[in-house]
Amino acid sequence: MRLKSSIYLFVASILMLFSACTPEQYDLDEKDVTPDDLVEGLAYTITHDPINPNIVYLESKMGNSYTALWEHPQGRSQEKKVTLQIPFDGTYTGRFGVQTRGGVV
């Protein structure tokens, strides 16, 4: 019985040794989007509500394989469609980017 347990332990140790020796891959895939691709009209749209100009609609036109990253006057968002309700008239700035397999663009 003791010999049988020792054999099972030895076989399990050998299996663990071989399965634990696979090299890790730490590199990311290539970025398939460049900053030049992120232009208004092609990658995203910004439209105002026709009735209330203080309501702004942000929409990402990138595919489902990308996560939209918005920085706008009301904070940050990762949604494809964002509705902003700006209380005061003025000029506001925002930024648009995407998360790809290779990182943020």
Protein backbone atom coordinates (compact mmCIF):
# COMPACT_ATOMS: atom_id res chain seq x y z
CA MET A 1 0.00 0.00 0.00
CA ARG A 2 2.82 2.36 0.86
CA LEU A 3 4.61 1.59 -2.41
CA LYS A 4 1.42 2.28 -4.35
CA SER A 5 1.00 5.69 -2.66
CA SER A 6 4.62 6.56 -3.36
CA ILE A 7 4.20 5.71 -7.05
CA TYR A 8 1.07 7.88 -7.32
CA LEU A 9 2.88 10.74 -5.57
CA PHE A 10 5.86 10.39 -7.90
CA VAL A 11 3.67 10.37 -11.04
CA ALA A 12 1.69 13.39 -9.80
CA SER A 13 4.94 15.25 -9.07
CA ILE A 14 6.29 14.56 -12.55
CA LEU A 15 3.01 15.72 -14.16
CA MET A 16 3.04 18.92 -12.11
CA LEU A 17 6.67 19.54 -13.02
CA PHE A 18 6.00 19.29 -16.76
CA SER A 19 2.80 21.32 -16.68
CA ALA A 20 4.40 24.09 -14.61
CA CYS A 21 7.28 24.61 -17.02
CA THR A 22 5.41 26.37 -19.81
CA PRO A 23 6.80 29.81 -20.58
CA GLU A 24 4.60 32.83 -19.90
CA GLN A 25 3.80 35.31 -22.65
CA TYR A 26 3.84 38.89 -21.36
CA ASP A 27 3.69 40.82 -24.62
CA LEU A 28 0.48 42.35 -25.91
CA ASP A 29 -0.84 42.09 -29.43
CA GLU A 30 -0.19 44.83 -31.93
CA LYS A 31 -2.33 47.94 -31.83
CA ASP A 32 -4.59 47.76 -34.85
CA VAL A 33 -5.84 51.35 -34.45
CA THR A 34 -3.72 54.49 -34.71
CA PRO A 35 -4.55 57.97 -33.39
CA ASP A 36 -5.04 59.06 -37.02
CA ASP A 37 -7.95 56.59 -37.27
CA LEU A 38 -9.83 58.28 -34.41
CA VAL A 39 -11.37 61.17 -36.33
CA GLU A 40 -14.82 62.62 -35.76
CA GLY A 41 -17.37 61.22 -38.16
CA LEU A 42 -15.53 57.93 -38.73
CA ALA A 43 -14.67 56.75 -35.21
CA TYR A 44 -17.18 58.76 -33.19
CA THR A 45 -19.91 61.37 -33.51
CA ILE A 46 -20.91 64.32 -31.36
CA THR A 47 -24.44 65.61 -31.93
CA HIS A 48 -26.65 68.11 -30.14
CA ASP A 49 -30.30 67.55 -29.34
CA PRO A 50 -32.41 69.55 -31.84
CA ILE A 51 -34.83 70.72 -29.13
CA ASN A 52 -32.37 71.38 -26.29
CA PRO A 53 -28.84 72.35 -27.44
CA ASN A 54 -27.48 71.72 -23.93
CA ILE A 55 -27.99 67.98 -24.38
CA VAL A 56 -25.07 66.40 -26.23
CA TYR A 57 -24.93 62.84 -27.57
CA LEU A 58 -21.55 61.10 -27.86
CA GLU A 59 -21.49 57.88 -29.87
CA SER A 60 -18.59 55.55 -30.66
CA LYS A 61 -18.64 54.07 -34.16
CA MET A 62 -15.83 51.62 -33.42
CA GLY A 63 -16.64 47.92 -33.51
CA ASN A 64 -17.54 45.71 -30.57
CA SER A 65 -13.93 44.52 -30.26
CA TYR A 66 -12.95 47.96 -28.92
CA THR A 67 -13.92 49.65 -25.66
CA ALA A 68 -14.73 53.33 -26.05
CA LEU A 69 -12.98 55.64 -23.57
CA TRP A 70 -14.57 59.07 -23.12
CA GLU A 71 -13.30 61.97 -21.02
CA HIS A 72 -15.91 64.71 -20.92
CA PRO A 73 -16.92 67.62 -18.65
CA GLN A 74 -19.04 65.32 -16.48
CA GLY A 75 -16.34 62.71 -15.90
CA ARG A 76 -15.32 59.54 -17.70
CA SER A 77 -17.25 56.78 -19.40
CA GLN A 78 -16.66 53.51 -21.24
CA GLU A 79 -20.07 53.27 -22.86
CA LYS A 80 -20.62 53.27 -26.63
CA LYS A 81 -23.34 55.92 -26.29
CA VAL A 82 -23.18 58.74 -23.74
CA THR A 83 -25.74 61.49 -23.15
CA LEU A 84 -24.41 64.67 -21.55
CA GLN A 85 -26.67 67.30 -20.03
CA ILE A 86 -24.58 70.46 -19.98
CA PRO A 87 -26.17 73.07 -17.67
CA PHE A 88 -24.52 76.21 -19.09
CA ASP A 89 -23.70 77.46 -22.58
CA GLY A 90 -20.03 77.56 -23.42
CA THR A 91 -17.17 75.73 -25.04
CA TYR A 92 -16.31 72.38 -23.50
CA THR A 93 -13.57 69.92 -24.38
CA GLY A 94 -13.62 66.16 -24.39
CA ARG A 95 -11.35 63.34 -25.44
CA PHE A 96 -12.06 60.05 -27.18
CA GLY A 97 -9.90 56.94 -27.22
CA VAL A 98 -10.28 53.19 -27.52
CA GLN A 99 -8.95 50.20 -25.63
CA THR A 100 -7.45 47.65 -28.02
CA ARG A 101 -5.72 44.33 -27.43
CA GLY A 102 -2.43 46.19 -27.64
CA GLY A 103 -3.37 48.92 -25.18
CA VAL A 104 -5.03 52.32 -25.16
CA VAL A 105 -5.03 54.52 -28.25
